[in-house]
């Protein structure tokens, strides 16, 4: 395929090739009449059409795109106003500014980054990593490797300091990126007060009005409450409180064995707590996980000391005078009730979109039954210049999904193509071992009546996993029987969260299992297990198993 603008041969024809494109053709073009320099990419027709439309838009925005950052008084004008600075919001704001839009980002919290960066995925990963290292040193693992240590002691305060240091560095990084890209940061609670107006209310009650051509809602989600149980973030905690406990509890009960429940439960179990997760469903790992992987995952966690009560519901929780908590549970289908006593109760039953007090009702935007904002395939609400992305719209509540949507949304505002395949959005559980998957599970393929092949490879047969003495888990690949196209990848093992991206890339570009199997993988690496599983799926047999 040839570039419609330059006539040079294009190497890609994928509908998302324009996304973050950096392949440069033989006709680089520099535009300085509106203060932004860019290069025209030698990509498919839709990419060049995008840049052509980009030209037309921004010739009408002379002097707007590269304005220096400055403080604004009571009112400010903008091309794009983003409400929320989480993964979707801050990425969208930066991308919009890079495309030449005069961009404002309104954030109600004192720091940028949203839930993920401040009280979610980032601090939890710090604790997951550090608690795992403590677990290795404190148990028999180090001794089995010939490392003899004595006097191992947990300094929880120091561990929390390291977590906070990582968060502080990253939130400061976003502030720096805003300044670098000339994104105006407005502090305050953003409310839509007109289809072209956002009002930011500050902590002191003062307001700032942003008159804007486009509005992007990226307000994320909040912890879903459990009926009848009040979270005090002391000893009845949400995921936020579980990241900042002052001491390791003797006993912890976790309501919910989904992604957040098993991650945070495993942190405190490694640090010495007796942890029991109560799960209404019959498996661990939440929605979307392959059942074979889930069963193996549960077995490994139980071997580590994590306890589970599946097909069980919590009916209430009562605080005792001594500070302990009695958690009443019974079989989900009904049955004998029992009480589990704990020091800390962690409520992890999911999250819900944060849309309250945004002014949606006043401008006629209605929510769906799950509290989400309906949007079209360009992320537009029923009001065309008001957009929404991330946790407030349909799809998995994942930071990287929100980031993808944020970039594509603002590219769409500039006239670009908008394409996202949610089947290619990976999910990861950051325990040890990790669990990661992308695409369809075996249960989904059966339900859809798709004929498929399965390829599996255990890490016990992988040379790098052997040398690391870390052989739990496996790679499972699902492919279409008639075409060999990869339909799903499910990984249980160390480094699964890194390895799954190879599967996501393969699926995004429609690769077959044979395509992956014929790619030379470095030896010895754990990623060879991914190649071997694809060999098994495509040819019926792996080499090393």
Protein backbone atom coordinates (compact mmCIF):
# COMPACT_ATOMS: atom_id res chain seq x y z
CA UNK A 1 0.00 0.00 0.00
CA UNK A 2 1.27 3.47 -0.87
CA UNK A 3 0.94 6.68 1.08
CA UNK A 4 -1.84 8.78 -0.46
CA UNK A 5 0.15 11.97 0.14
CA UNK A 6 3.77 11.12 -0.63
CA UNK A 7 3.42 8.06 -2.85
CA UNK A 8 6.01 6.17 -0.84
CA UNK A 9 5.48 2.55 0.09
CA UNK A 10 3.78 2.10 3.45
CA UNK A 11 4.75 -0.77 5.74
CA UNK A 12 1.47 -0.86 7.68
CA UNK A 13 -2.19 -1.02 6.83
CA UNK A 14 -3.51 -1.61 10.32
CA UNK A 15 -6.42 0.62 11.40
CA UNK A 16 -4.47 1.74 14.47
CA UNK A 17 -1.23 2.47 12.65
CA UNK A 18 -1.74 6.20 13.22
CA UNK A 19 -1.71 5.67 16.98
CA UNK A 20 1.49 7.21 18.29
CA UNK A 21 3.07 6.80 14.85
CA UNK A 22 6.73 7.63 14.48
CA UNK A 23 7.62 6.12 11.09
CA UNK A 24 8.77 9.02 8.91
CA UNK A 25 8.48 9.13 5.13
CA UNK A 26 10.79 10.79 2.65
CA UNK A 27 8.76 13.98 2.70
CA UNK A 28 9.10 15.33 6.24
CA UNK A 29 7.20 18.52 6.68
CA UNK A 30 7.76 21.19 9.28
CA UNK A 31 4.91 23.53 10.07
CA UNK A 32 5.73 26.62 12.09
CA UNK A 33 2.84 28.93 11.25
CA UNK A 34 1.00 27.78 14.38
CA UNK A 35 3.97 27.12 16.58
CA UNK A 36 4.12 23.31 16.49
CA UNK A 37 6.60 21.15 14.61
CA UNK A 38 5.56 17.74 13.39
CA UNK A 39 6.50 15.14 10.78
CA UNK A 40 4.12 13.62 8.31
CA UNK A 41 4.15 9.83 8.64
CA UNK A 42 4.35 7.45 5.69
CA UNK A 43 1.45 5.33 6.81
CA UNK A 44 -1.86 4.20 5.34
CA UNK A 45 -4.33 6.53 3.73
CA UNK A 46 -6.27 7.23 6.92
CA UNK A 47 -3.08 8.41 8.62
CA UNK A 48 -2.26 10.94 5.93
CA UNK A 49 -5.90 12.01 5.84
CA UNK A 50 -5.60 12.58 9.59
CA UNK A 51 -2.58 14.86 9.20
CA UNK A 52 -4.23 16.65 6.28
CA UNK A 53 -7.27 17.32 8.45
CA UNK A 54 -4.87 18.26 11.25
CA UNK A 55 -3.47 20.99 8.96
CA UNK A 56 -6.90 22.39 8.21
CA UNK A 57 -7.91 22.52 11.87
CA UNK A 58 -4.79 24.16 13.14
CA UNK A 59 -4.37 26.77 10.41
CA UNK A 60 -7.46 28.20 12.09
CA UNK A 61 -5.80 28.12 15.51
CA UNK A 62 -2.80 30.34 14.82
CA UNK A 63 -1.12 31.52 17.97
CA UNK A 64 -3.20 29.22 20.17
CA UNK A 65 -1.30 25.94 20.15
CA UNK A 66 2.01 26.90 21.67
CA UNK A 67 0.97 29.41 24.31
CA UNK A 68 3.22 29.59 27.36
CA UNK A 69 1.78 28.21 30.58
CA UNK A 70 0.35 30.94 32.77
CA UNK A 71 -2.01 31.45 35.66
CA UNK A 72 -5.59 32.35 34.83
CA UNK A 73 -7.99 34.54 36.73
CA UNK A 74 -11.69 33.79 37.05
CA UNK A 75 -12.17 32.66 33.45
CA UNK A 76 -10.12 30.89 30.82
CA UNK A 77 -10.77 29.80 27.26
CA UNK A 78 -9.74 26.36 26.01
CA UNK A 79 -10.09 24.03 23.07
CA UNK A 80 -10.22 20.93 25.28
CA UNK A 81 -11.04 20.73 28.99
CA UNK A 82 -10.37 17.41 30.69
CA UNK A 83 -12.10 16.71 34.01
CA UNK A 84 -9.88 14.32 35.98
CA UNK A 85 -6.14 13.66 35.89
CA UNK A 86 -6.04 9.89 36.29
CA UNK A 87 -4.36 7.65 33.68
CA UNK A 88 -6.99 8.46 31.07
CA UNK A 89 -7.33 12.15 31.86
CA UNK A 90 -3.70 13.21 32.16
CA UNK A 91 -2.67 11.22 29.09
CA UNK A 92 -5.54 12.71 27.07
CA UNK A 93 -4.61 16.22 28.22
CA UNK A 94 -0.98 15.80 27.20
CA UNK A 95 -1.92 14.27 23.84
CA UNK A 96 -4.40 17.07 23.15
CA UNK A 97 -1.72 19.68 23.87
CA UNK A 98 0.73 17.83 21.63
CA UNK A 99 -1.85 17.95 18.84
CA UNK A 100 -2.02 21.72 19.21
CA UNK A 101 -5.16 22.13 21.29
CA UNK A 102 -5.19 24.69 24.07
CA UNK A 103 -5.78 22.28 26.94
CA UNK A 104 -6.96 22.58 30.53
CA UNK A 105 -7.08 19.73 33.03
CA UNK A 106 -9.28 20.12 36.12
CA UNK A 107 -8.41 17.95 39.15
CA UNK A 108 -10.20 17.93 42.51
CA UNK A 109 -7.41 16.26 44.48
CA UNK A 110 -4.23 17.91 45.73
CA UNK A 111 -2.03 15.71 43.54
CA UNK A 112 -2.31 14.59 39.93
CA UNK A 113 -2.60 10.98 38.82
CA UNK A 114 -6.01 9.90 40.08
CA UNK A 115 -6.79 6.74 42.02
CA UNK A 116 -4.30 4.55 40.15
CA UNK A 117 -1.25 6.62 40.95
CA UNK A 118 -2.17 7.84 44.43
CA UNK A 119 -4.14 5.05 46.12
CA UNK A 120 -4.35 2.24 43.58
CA UNK A 121 -2.15 0.40 41.14
CA UNK A 122 1.12 2.22 41.89
CA UNK A 123 1.29 2.06 45.72
CA UNK A 124 -0.10 -1.47 45.70
CA UNK A 125 2.66 -2.64 43.35
CA UNK A 126 5.29 -1.18 45.67
CA UNK A 127 3.84 -3.16 48.57
CA UNK A 128 3.42 -6.29 46.47
CA UNK A 129 7.07 -6.23 45.43
CA UNK A 130 8.49 -5.39 48.84
CA UNK A 131 6.30 -7.89 50.69
CA UNK A 132 7.42 -10.58 48.25
CA UNK A 133 11.09 -9.79 48.92
CA UNK A 134 10.43 -9.95 52.67
CA UNK A 135 8.63 -13.27 52.20
CA UNK A 136 11.63 -14.71 50.33
CA UNK A 137 14.11 -13.53 52.94
CA UNK A 138 12.00 -14.54 55.93
CA UNK A 139 11.09 -18.01 54.67
CA UNK A 140 13.13 -20.94 53.39
CA UNK A 141 13.65 -19.58 49.89
CA UNK A 142 16.90 -17.75 50.57
CA UNK A 143 18.31 -20.70 52.52
CA UNK A 144 17.51 -23.05 49.63
CA UNK A 145 19.50 -20.74 47.36
CA UNK A 146 22.51 -20.78 49.65
CA UNK A 147 21.82 -17.37 51.16
CA UNK A 148 21.91 -17.55 54.93
CA UNK A 149 20.42 -14.57 56.73
CA UNK A 150 19.57 -14.01 60.37
CA UNK A 151 17.65 -11.40 62.26
CA UNK A 152 15.19 -10.59 59.47
CA UNK A 153 12.84 -7.89 60.75
CA UNK A 154 9.98 -6.09 59.10
CA UNK A 155 10.14 -2.30 59.23
CA UNK A 156 6.62 -1.52 58.05
CA UNK A 157 7.06 2.23 58.46
CA UNK A 158 10.07 2.19 56.14
CA UNK A 159 8.21 0.02 53.63
CA UNK A 160 5.39 2.57 53.59
CA UNK A 161 7.92 5.37 53.10
CA UNK A 162 9.31 3.66 50.00
CA UNK A 163 5.78 3.28 48.64
CA UNK A 164 5.03 6.96 49.26
CA UNK A 165 8.33 8.01 47.71
CA UNK A 166 7.46 6.21 44.47
CA UNK A 167 4.02 7.83 44.41
CA UNK A 168 5.44 11.31 45.06
CA UNK A 169 8.00 10.97 42.28
CA UNK A 170 5.38 9.90 39.75
CA UNK A 171 2.80 12.53 40.67
CA UNK A 172 5.52 15.15 40.40
CA UNK A 173 6.39 13.69 37.02
CA UNK A 174 2.89 14.38 35.72
CA UNK A 175 3.07 17.98 36.93
CA UNK A 176 6.37 18.32 35.05
CA UNK A 177 4.85 16.81 31.90
CA UNK A 178 1.92 19.25 32.11
CA UNK A 179 4.34 22.16 32.29
CA UNK A 180 6.49 20.75 29.50
CA UNK A 181 3.48 20.26 27.20
CA UNK A 182 1.78 23.53 28.25
CA UNK A 183 -1.27 21.87 29.78
CA UNK A 184 -2.99 24.28 32.18
CA UNK A 185 -3.73 22.59 35.51
CA UNK A 186 -6.77 23.98 37.33
CA UNK A 187 -7.32 22.78 40.90
CA UNK A 188 -10.91 22.23 41.98
CA UNK A 189 -13.95 20.04 41.55
CA UNK A 190 -14.98 20.22 37.91
CA UNK A 191 -18.67 20.49 37.06
CA UNK A 192 -20.19 20.88 33.61
CA UNK A 193 -22.30 24.04 33.75
CA UNK A 194 -23.04 24.25 30.04
CA UNK A 195 -22.21 22.33 26.91
CA UNK A 196 -19.22 24.65 26.45
CA UNK A 197 -18.44 25.46 30.06
CA UNK A 198 -16.81 23.82 33.08
CA UNK A 199 -16.77 25.40 36.53
CA UNK A 200 -14.02 24.39 38.94
CA UNK A 201 -14.88 24.87 42.62
CA UNK A 202 -11.84 25.13 44.89
CA UNK A 203 -11.54 24.06 48.53
CA UNK A 204 -12.06 27.64 49.71
CA UNK A 205 -15.34 27.89 47.80
CA UNK A 206 -14.04 30.15 45.04
CA UNK A 207 -14.75 29.19 41.45
CA UNK A 208 -13.01 29.36 38.12
CA UNK A 209 -14.90 29.15 34.84
CA UNK A 210 -13.43 27.48 31.77
CA UNK A 211 -15.12 28.28 28.47
CA UNK A 212 -14.24 25.41 26.18
CA UNK A 213 -14.94 23.98 22.75
CA UNK A 214 -14.74 20.36 23.93
CA UNK A 215 -15.16 18.64 27.30
CA UNK A 216 -13.66 15.26 28.17
CA UNK A 217 -14.97 13.47 31.27
CA UNK A 218 -12.28 11.25 32.82
CA UNK A 219 -13.37 11.15 36.45
CA UNK A 220 -12.66 7.45 37.00
CA UNK A 221 -14.32 5.31 39.65
CA UNK A 222 -14.72 4.93 43.39
CA UNK A 223 -14.91 2.01 45.80
CA UNK A 224 -18.27 0.24 45.68
CA UNK A 225 -19.83 0.18 49.16
CA UNK A 226 -20.97 -3.04 50.84
CA UNK A 227 -24.56 -2.73 52.12
CA UNK A 228 -24.69 -2.63 55.90
CA UNK A 229 -20.92 -2.27 56.42
CA UNK A 230 -19.44 1.16 57.10
CA UNK A 231 -15.85 1.67 56.01
CA UNK A 232 -13.86 3.71 58.54
CA UNK A 233 -10.40 3.15 56.96
CA UNK A 234 -9.20 2.12 60.43
CA UNK A 235 -9.95 -1.57 60.84
CA UNK A 236 -12.80 -1.80 58.34
CA UNK A 237 -10.99 -0.65 55.24
CA UNK A 238 -11.28 -0.27 51.50
CA UNK A 239 -8.35 -0.80 49.17
CA UNK A 240 -7.24 2.74 50.08
CA UNK A 241 -7.00 1.99 53.79
CA UNK A 242 -5.37 -1.38 53.16
CA UNK A 243 -2.42 0.44 51.60
CA UNK A 244 -1.69 2.36 54.80
CA UNK A 245 -2.23 0.03 57.76
CA UNK A 246 -0.05 0.98 60.73
CA UNK A 247 0.70 -2.61 61.71
CA UNK A 248 0.33 -6.12 60.35
CA UNK A 249 -2.98 -7.57 61.56
CA UNK A 250 -3.05 -10.99 63.18
CA UNK A 251 -6.13 -11.95 61.21
CA UNK A 252 -7.62 -10.31 58.13
CA UNK A 253 -10.83 -11.11 56.28
CA UNK A 254 -11.15 -9.94 52.68
CA UNK A 255 -14.60 -9.62 51.15
CA UNK A 256 -14.01 -10.51 47.51
CA UNK A 257 -11.34 -12.68 45.89
CA UNK A 258 -11.13 -10.68 42.68
CA UNK A 259 -8.03 -8.88 41.44
CA UNK A 260 -7.81 -6.28 44.22
CA UNK A 261 -8.76 -8.74 46.95
CA UNK A 262 -6.09 -11.31 46.15
CA UNK A 263 -3.43 -8.66 45.52
CA UNK A 264 -3.87 -6.81 48.81
CA UNK A 265 -4.66 -9.98 50.71
CA UNK A 266 -1.39 -11.50 49.50
CA UNK A 267 0.56 -8.42 50.66
CA UNK A 268 -0.57 -8.81 54.26
CA UNK A 269 -0.41 -12.61 54.16
CA UNK A 270 3.26 -12.40 53.14
CA UNK A 271 3.93 -9.93 55.94
CA UNK A 272 2.54 -12.34 58.52
CA UNK A 273 -1.25 -11.97 58.69
CA UNK A 274 -3.65 -14.92 58.67
CA UNK A 275 -5.78 -13.96 55.65
CA UNK A 276 -9.12 -15.44 54.56
CA UNK A 277 -10.91 -14.24 51.43
CA UNK A 278 -14.67 -14.73 51.24
CA UNK A 279 -15.90 -14.92 47.64
CA UNK A 280 -19.50 -15.15 46.41
CA UNK A 281 -18.48 -16.79 43.14
CA UNK A 282 -16.92 -20.22 42.85
CA UNK A 283 -13.47 -19.13 41.72
CA UNK A 284 -10.71 -16.60 42.45
CA UNK A 285 -9.37 -13.92 40.14
CA UNK A 286 -12.57 -12.14 39.16
CA UNK A 287 -14.30 -11.87 35.79
CA UNK A 288 -12.57 -12.90 32.56
CA UNK A 289 -10.01 -15.27 34.05
CA UNK A 290 -9.71 -18.72 32.45
CA UNK A 291 -11.06 -21.36 34.86
CA UNK A 292 -8.11 -23.72 34.45
CA UNK A 293 -5.74 -20.88 35.28
CA UNK A 294 -7.93 -19.81 38.21
CA UNK A 295 -7.89 -23.27 39.79
CA UNK A 296 -4.11 -23.53 39.51
CA UNK A 297 -3.74 -19.98 40.82
CA UNK A 298 -5.89 -20.74 43.85
CA UNK A 299 -3.91 -23.90 44.58
CA UNK A 300 -0.61 -21.98 44.56
CA UNK A 301 -1.96 -19.22 46.82
CA UNK A 302 -3.34 -21.77 49.26
CA UNK A 303 0.06 -23.46 49.35
CA UNK A 304 1.49 -20.07 50.36
CA UNK A 305 -1.00 -19.85 53.25
CA UNK A 306 -3.82 -17.77 51.72
CA UNK A 307 -7.25 -19.15 52.74
CA UNK A 308 -10.43 -19.00 50.67
CA UNK A 309 -14.14 -19.50 51.28
CA UNK A 310 -15.74 -19.71 47.84
CA UNK A 311 -19.45 -19.77 47.01
CA UNK A 312 -19.89 -17.89 50.27
CA UNK A 313 -21.57 -14.59 51.06
CA UNK A 314 -21.02 -12.07 53.84
CA UNK A 315 -24.24 -11.19 55.65
CA UNK A 316 -22.88 -8.64 58.09
CA UNK A 317 -20.02 -7.40 60.25
CA UNK A 318 -20.05 -6.29 63.88
CA UNK A 319 -17.36 -4.46 65.83
CA UNK A 320 -16.69 -5.86 69.29
CA UNK A 321 -15.73 -3.78 72.36
CA UNK A 322 -12.18 -5.15 72.15
CA UNK A 323 -11.83 -3.73 68.62
CA UNK A 324 -12.06 -7.04 66.78
CA UNK A 325 -14.65 -7.62 64.07
CA UNK A 326 -17.08 -10.52 63.79
CA UNK A 327 -17.86 -11.25 60.14
CA UNK A 328 -21.01 -13.30 59.55
CA UNK A 329 -20.92 -15.56 56.49
CA UNK A 330 -23.02 -18.32 54.98
CA UNK A 331 -23.15 -20.40 51.81
CA UNK A 332 -24.18 -18.34 48.79
CA UNK A 333 -26.98 -20.78 48.03
CA UNK A 334 -28.14 -20.64 51.64
CA UNK A 335 -27.00 -22.80 54.52
CA UNK A 336 -25.42 -22.85 57.93
CA UNK A 337 -24.08 -19.50 59.07
CA UNK A 338 -20.73 -19.01 60.78
CA UNK A 339 -18.71 -16.15 62.20
CA UNK A 340 -15.09 -15.33 61.35
CA UNK A 341 -13.32 -13.01 63.78
CA UNK A 342 -10.60 -10.70 62.49
CA UNK A 343 -8.56 -7.61 63.36
CA UNK A 344 -9.01 -5.98 59.95
CA UNK A 345 -11.85 -6.36 57.46
CA UNK A 346 -10.96 -5.43 53.87
CA UNK A 347 -13.91 -4.73 51.57
CA UNK A 348 -13.04 -5.40 47.91
CA UNK A 349 -16.27 -5.98 46.01
CA UNK A 350 -15.42 -3.79 43.04
CA UNK A 351 -15.67 -0.18 41.93
CA UNK A 352 -18.38 2.04 40.45
CA UNK A 353 -18.14 4.99 38.04
CA UNK A 354 -17.63 8.38 39.68
CA UNK A 355 -20.20 10.63 38.03
CA UNK A 356 -21.96 12.39 40.91
CA UNK A 357 -22.22 16.19 40.93
CA UNK A 358 -20.72 16.50 37.45
CA UNK A 359 -23.80 18.32 36.15
CA UNK A 360 -24.75 15.56 33.73
CA UNK A 361 -28.46 15.60 34.54
CA UNK A 362 -28.67 19.36 34.04
CA UNK A 363 -27.36 19.09 30.47
CA UNK A 364 -29.46 16.04 29.61
CA UNK A 365 -26.89 13.22 29.75
CA UNK A 366 -28.44 10.12 31.33
CA UNK A 367 -26.49 7.21 32.82
CA UNK A 368 -27.05 3.54 32.02
CA UNK A 369 -28.22 0.98 34.60
CA UNK A 370 -24.67 0.52 35.90
CA UNK A 371 -24.07 4.23 36.35
CA UNK A 372 -21.91 4.61 33.24
CA UNK A 373 -21.99 7.36 30.63
CA UNK A 374 -23.20 6.10 27.22
CA UNK A 375 -20.85 7.05 24.37
CA UNK A 376 -20.50 6.22 20.68
CA UNK A 377 -17.43 4.67 19.04
CA UNK A 378 -15.70 8.07 19.07
CA UNK A 379 -16.36 8.46 22.83
CA UNK A 380 -18.95 11.19 22.23
CA UNK A 381 -21.95 11.48 24.53
CA UNK A 382 -25.35 12.53 23.23
CA UNK A 383 -23.87 16.05 23.18
CA UNK A 384 -21.24 15.76 20.39
CA UNK A 385 -18.60 18.04 21.94
CA UNK A 386 -18.75 16.30 25.34
CA UNK A 387 -16.74 13.09 25.52
CA UNK A 388 -16.14 10.43 28.17
CA UNK A 389 -13.46 7.77 28.66
CA UNK A 390 -12.10 5.30 31.21
CA UNK A 391 -13.99 3.90 34.16
CA UNK A 392 -17.06 6.08 33.55
CA UNK A 393 -17.81 4.29 30.26
CA UNK A 394 -18.34 0.64 29.36
CA UNK A 395 -15.44 -1.79 29.29
CA UNK A 396 -12.91 -3.05 31.83
CA UNK A 397 -11.91 -0.64 34.60
CA UNK A 398 -8.21 -0.65 33.77
CA UNK A 399 -5.70 2.20 33.71
CA UNK A 400 -4.17 1.18 30.38
CA UNK A 401 -7.60 0.91 28.78
CA UNK A 402 -8.32 4.47 29.91
CA UNK A 403 -4.97 5.67 28.53
CA UNK A 404 -5.71 4.09 25.15
CA UNK A 405 -9.15 5.68 25.06
CA UNK A 406 -7.77 9.08 26.08
CA UNK A 407 -5.28 9.22 23.22
CA UNK A 408 -7.73 7.92 20.64
CA UNK A 409 -10.46 10.26 21.83
CA UNK A 410 -8.44 13.45 21.35
CA UNK A 411 -7.06 12.18 18.04
CA UNK A 412 -10.69 11.79 17.04
CA UNK A 413 -11.37 15.39 18.06
CA UNK A 414 -8.64 16.39 15.61
CA UNK A 415 -10.34 14.41 12.85
CA UNK A 416 -8.34 11.20 13.13
CA UNK A 417 -9.57 7.64 12.93
CA UNK A 418 -10.72 6.05 16.19
CA UNK A 419 -10.33 2.31 16.62
CA UNK A 420 -9.96 0.17 19.72
CA UNK A 421 -10.37 -3.59 20.08
CA UNK A 422 -11.27 -4.31 23.69
CA UNK A 423 -10.54 -7.96 23.10
CA UNK A 424 -6.87 -6.96 22.91
CA UNK A 425 -6.79 -5.17 26.26
CA UNK A 426 -4.76 -7.32 28.70
CA UNK A 427 -5.52 -7.92 32.38
CA UNK A 428 -2.95 -8.66 35.10
CA UNK A 429 -3.06 -9.81 38.73
CA UNK A 430 0.22 -8.74 40.34
CA UNK A 431 0.55 -11.44 42.98
CA UNK A 432 3.39 -13.94 42.94
CA UNK A 433 3.07 -15.76 40.71
CA UNK A 434 1.38 -13.23 38.47
CA UNK A 435 -1.68 -13.99 36.37
CA UNK A 436 -2.20 -12.29 33.01
CA UNK A 437 -4.54 -12.79 30.13
CA UNK A 438 -5.74 -11.21 26.92
CA UNK A 439 -8.50 -12.27 24.55
CA UNK A 440 -11.00 -15.05 25.05
CA UNK A 441 -11.01 -17.66 27.79
CA UNK A 442 -11.75 -21.29 27.01
CA UNK A 443 -15.17 -20.91 28.65
CA UNK A 444 -16.04 -17.94 26.43
CA UNK A 445 -15.08 -19.80 23.25
CA UNK A 446 -17.23 -22.76 24.24
CA UNK A 447 -20.16 -20.46 24.99
CA UNK A 448 -19.76 -18.75 21.61
CA UNK A 449 -19.51 -22.06 19.77
CA UNK A 450 -16.06 -21.31 18.34
CA UNK A 451 -13.93 -24.29 17.35
CA UNK A 452 -10.50 -23.85 18.86
CA UNK A 453 -7.15 -25.46 19.60
CA UNK A 454 -5.23 -25.35 22.87
CA UNK A 455 -1.49 -25.16 23.43
CA UNK A 456 0.04 -25.39 26.91
CA UNK A 457 3.54 -25.22 28.30
CA UNK A 458 4.51 -25.44 32.00
CA UNK A 459 7.21 -23.23 33.47
CA UNK A 460 8.58 -26.36 35.14
CA UNK A 461 9.92 -27.28 31.68
CA UNK A 462 11.41 -23.83 31.02
CA UNK A 463 15.17 -23.53 31.54
CA UNK A 464 15.16 -19.95 32.89
CA UNK A 465 12.36 -20.73 35.35
CA UNK A 466 14.40 -23.72 36.52
CA UNK A 467 17.52 -21.62 37.09
CA UNK A 468 15.40 -19.06 38.95
CA UNK A 469 13.87 -21.82 41.11
CA UNK A 470 10.51 -20.29 40.21
CA UNK A 471 8.60 -22.90 38.25
CA UNK A 472 4.96 -22.48 39.32
CA UNK A 473 2.44 -21.95 36.54
CA UNK A 474 2.09 -22.30 32.80
CA UNK A 475 1.25 -20.60 29.51
CA UNK A 476 -2.03 -21.49 27.80
CA UNK A 477 -2.77 -20.40 24.22
CA UNK A 478 -6.11 -20.63 22.42
CA UNK A 479 -6.31 -20.43 18.63
CA UNK A 480 -9.00 -20.69 15.98
CA UNK A 481 -9.07 -24.24 14.66
CA UNK A 482 -9.57 -23.30 11.01
CA UNK A 483 -7.11 -20.39 10.72
CA UNK A 484 -4.65 -20.82 13.62
CA UNK A 485 -5.29 -17.18 14.57
CA UNK A 486 -4.56 -16.48 18.23
CA UNK A 487 -7.79 -15.94 20.15
CA UNK A 488 -6.56 -15.84 23.73
CA UNK A 489 -3.47 -16.10 25.90
CA UNK A 490 -3.52 -17.00 29.60
CA UNK A 491 -0.36 -16.96 31.68
CA UNK A 492 0.22 -17.99 35.29
CA UNK A 493 3.79 -17.47 36.41
CA UNK A 494 6.57 -15.07 37.28
CA UNK A 495 6.67 -12.17 34.80
CA UNK A 496 3.26 -12.96 33.31
CA UNK A 497 2.39 -9.26 33.24
CA UNK A 498 5.33 -8.55 30.94
CA UNK A 499 4.85 -11.61 28.76
CA UNK A 500 1.16 -10.96 28.06
CA UNK A 501 2.06 -7.86 26.04
CA UNK A 502 3.62 -10.09 23.38
CA UNK A 503 0.28 -11.85 23.11
CA UNK A 504 -1.62 -8.54 22.94
CA UNK A 505 0.65 -7.36 20.11
CA UNK A 506 0.14 -10.61 18.21
CA UNK A 507 -3.63 -10.44 18.57
CA UNK A 508 -3.80 -6.75 17.68
CA UNK A 509 -2.20 -7.49 14.32
CA UNK A 510 -4.06 -10.75 13.69
CA UNK A 511 -1.09 -13.09 14.07
CA UNK A 512 -1.40 -16.85 13.99
CA UNK A 513 0.18 -19.10 16.58
CA UNK A 514 2.60 -20.27 13.90
CA UNK A 515 3.67 -16.64 13.36
CA UNK A 516 4.64 -16.39 17.03
CA UNK A 517 6.20 -19.84 17.13
CA UNK A 518 8.52 -18.95 14.23
CA UNK A 519 9.83 -15.81 15.96
CA UNK A 520 13.23 -16.52 17.49
CA UNK A 521 13.11 -16.01 21.26
CA UNK A 522 16.30 -15.46 23.26
CA UNK A 523 17.55 -18.38 25.34
CA UNK A 524 17.31 -18.82 28.25
CA UNK A 525 14.26 -16.64 28.95
CA UNK A 526 10.87 -17.34 30.47
CA UNK A 527 9.31 -15.96 27.27
CA UNK A 528 10.39 -19.17 25.53
CA UNK A 529 7.47 -20.77 27.35
CA UNK A 530 5.17 -18.46 25.40
CA UNK A 531 6.76 -19.59 22.14
CA UNK A 532 6.49 -23.26 23.14
CA UNK A 533 2.79 -22.91 23.98
CA UNK A 534 2.22 -21.41 20.53
CA UNK A 535 4.12 -24.34 18.99
CA UNK A 536 1.80 -26.68 20.85
CA UNK A 537 -1.29 -24.79 19.68
CA UNK A 538 -0.20 -24.60 16.04
CA UNK A 539 1.55 -27.94 15.53
CA UNK A 540 0.08 -30.03 18.32
CA UNK A 541 3.36 -30.49 20.18
CA UNK A 542 5.93 -28.34 21.94
CA UNK A 543 9.66 -29.08 21.69
CA UNK A 544 10.70 -29.14 25.33
CA UNK A 545 7.65 -30.76 26.89
